[in-house]
Amino acid sequence: IMEYMKALQVYISYSPEQFIREFHCLALQRNLQVLGAFAFLYHRQGKDFFRPFIRPALLSLNGRLSGSERKKYPALYRLVEHCIEKNEKYDL
């Protein structure tokens, strides 16, 4: 994260605390977008190629929601945990 912050400050002055908050929000949004795309392509479009990418995307999102992020998004955290369990059960 700090490398991105340094690169940004070459061009503009920016609060490091605000940058870190915004970075985490953007990373969370990107994780959700990727997972949604993989799930849609596999489940709705029948593109089996994307099936192996669902579990790593879930685990990545789960990792993103660990620690303090977990407290900010408790419902999302529980949903991801449920999806991981279901994924393991049905080997999706």
Protein backbone atom coordinates (compact mmCIF):
# COMPACT_ATOMS: atom_id res chain seq x y z
CA ILE A 1 0.00 0.00 0.00
CA MET A 2 2.78 2.40 0.86
CA GLU A 3 4.29 2.07 -2.61
CA TYR A 4 1.00 3.29 -4.09
CA MET A 5 0.89 6.09 -1.54
CA LYS A 6 4.42 7.22 -2.45
CA ALA A 7 3.57 7.17 -6.14
CA LEU A 8 0.43 9.23 -5.55
CA GLN A 9 2.27 11.82 -3.47
CA VAL A 10 4.58 12.49 -6.39
CA TYR A 11 1.59 14.16 -8.05
CA ILE A 12 -0.58 15.41 -5.16
CA SER A 13 -0.56 15.79 -1.41
CA TYR A 14 -2.89 13.21 0.09
CA SER A 15 -3.69 12.04 3.61
CA PRO A 16 -2.09 8.63 4.22
CA GLU A 17 -4.94 7.65 6.56
CA GLN A 18 -7.57 8.53 3.97
CA PHE A 19 -5.61 6.72 1.26
CA ILE A 20 -5.45 3.54 3.34
CA ARG A 21 -9.21 3.65 4.09
CA GLU A 22 -10.01 4.21 0.42
CA PHE A 23 -7.55 1.54 -0.70
CA HIS A 24 -9.23 -1.06 1.53
CA CYS A 25 -12.70 -0.10 0.26
CA LEU A 26 -11.54 -0.34 -3.34
CA ALA A 27 -9.84 -3.68 -2.73
CA LEU A 28 -13.01 -5.04 -1.13
CA GLN A 29 -15.09 -3.83 -4.06
CA ARG A 30 -12.67 -5.44 -6.51
CA ASN A 31 -12.79 -8.76 -4.63
CA LEU A 32 -16.59 -8.72 -4.80
CA GLN A 33 -16.54 -7.85 -8.49
CA VAL A 34 -14.15 -10.67 -9.35
CA LEU A 35 -16.07 -13.23 -7.31
CA GLY A 36 -19.36 -12.12 -8.86
CA ALA A 37 -17.94 -12.40 -12.35
CA PHE A 38 -16.55 -15.90 -11.77
CA ALA A 39 -19.78 -17.11 -10.16
CA PHE A 40 -21.93 -15.61 -12.91
CA LEU A 41 -19.82 -17.04 -15.71
CA TYR A 42 -19.78 -20.49 -14.13
CA HIS A 43 -23.31 -20.79 -12.72
CA ARG A 44 -25.34 -18.72 -15.19
CA GLN A 45 -23.34 -18.92 -18.40
CA GLY A 46 -22.22 -22.54 -17.94
CA LYS A 47 -18.54 -21.70 -18.51
CA ASP A 48 -16.83 -24.46 -16.53
CA PHE A 49 -13.44 -22.82 -17.05
CA PHE A 50 -14.25 -20.37 -14.23
CA ARG A 51 -15.21 -22.99 -11.63
CA PRO A 52 -11.68 -23.44 -10.18
CA PHE A 53 -11.38 -19.69 -9.60
CA ILE A 54 -14.41 -19.39 -7.29
CA ARG A 55 -12.80 -20.90 -4.19
CA PRO A 56 -9.61 -18.78 -4.37
CA ALA A 57 -11.78 -15.69 -4.90
CA LEU A 58 -13.84 -16.60 -1.82
CA LEU A 59 -10.71 -17.16 0.24
CA SER A 60 -9.25 -13.87 -0.96
CA LEU A 61 -12.43 -12.04 0.01
CA ASN A 62 -12.43 -13.83 3.37
CA GLY A 63 -8.87 -12.68 3.94
CA ARG A 64 -9.83 -9.13 3.04
CA LEU A 65 -12.60 -9.29 5.65
CA SER A 66 -10.36 -10.50 8.46
CA GLY A 67 -9.42 -8.29 11.37
CA SER A 68 -11.03 -4.88 11.66
CA GLU A 69 -12.77 -5.20 8.28
CA ARG A 70 -14.76 -8.10 9.72
CA LYS A 71 -16.33 -5.77 12.26
CA LYS A 72 -17.28 -3.24 9.58
CA TYR A 73 -19.08 -5.82 7.43
CA PRO A 74 -20.37 -8.60 9.73
CA ALA A 75 -23.17 -9.74 7.41
CA LEU A 76 -20.81 -9.94 4.45
CA TYR A 77 -18.30 -11.85 6.54
CA ARG A 78 -20.96 -14.40 7.58
CA LEU A 79 -22.09 -14.74 3.96
CA VAL A 80 -18.55 -15.40 2.76
CA GLU A 81 -18.04 -17.97 5.52
CA HIS A 82 -21.28 -19.69 4.47
CA CYS A 83 -20.21 -19.70 0.81
CA ILE A 84 -16.83 -21.19 1.69
CA GLU A 85 -18.52 -23.96 3.68
CA LYS A 86 -20.98 -24.62 0.86
CA ASN A 87 -18.15 -24.58 -1.66
CA GLU A 88 -16.27 -27.19 0.37
CA LYS A 89 -19.39 -29.34 0.81
CA TYR A 90 -20.32 -29.39 -2.87
CA ASP A 91 -16.82 -28.91 -4.24
CA LEU A 92 -17.97 -26.01 -6.41
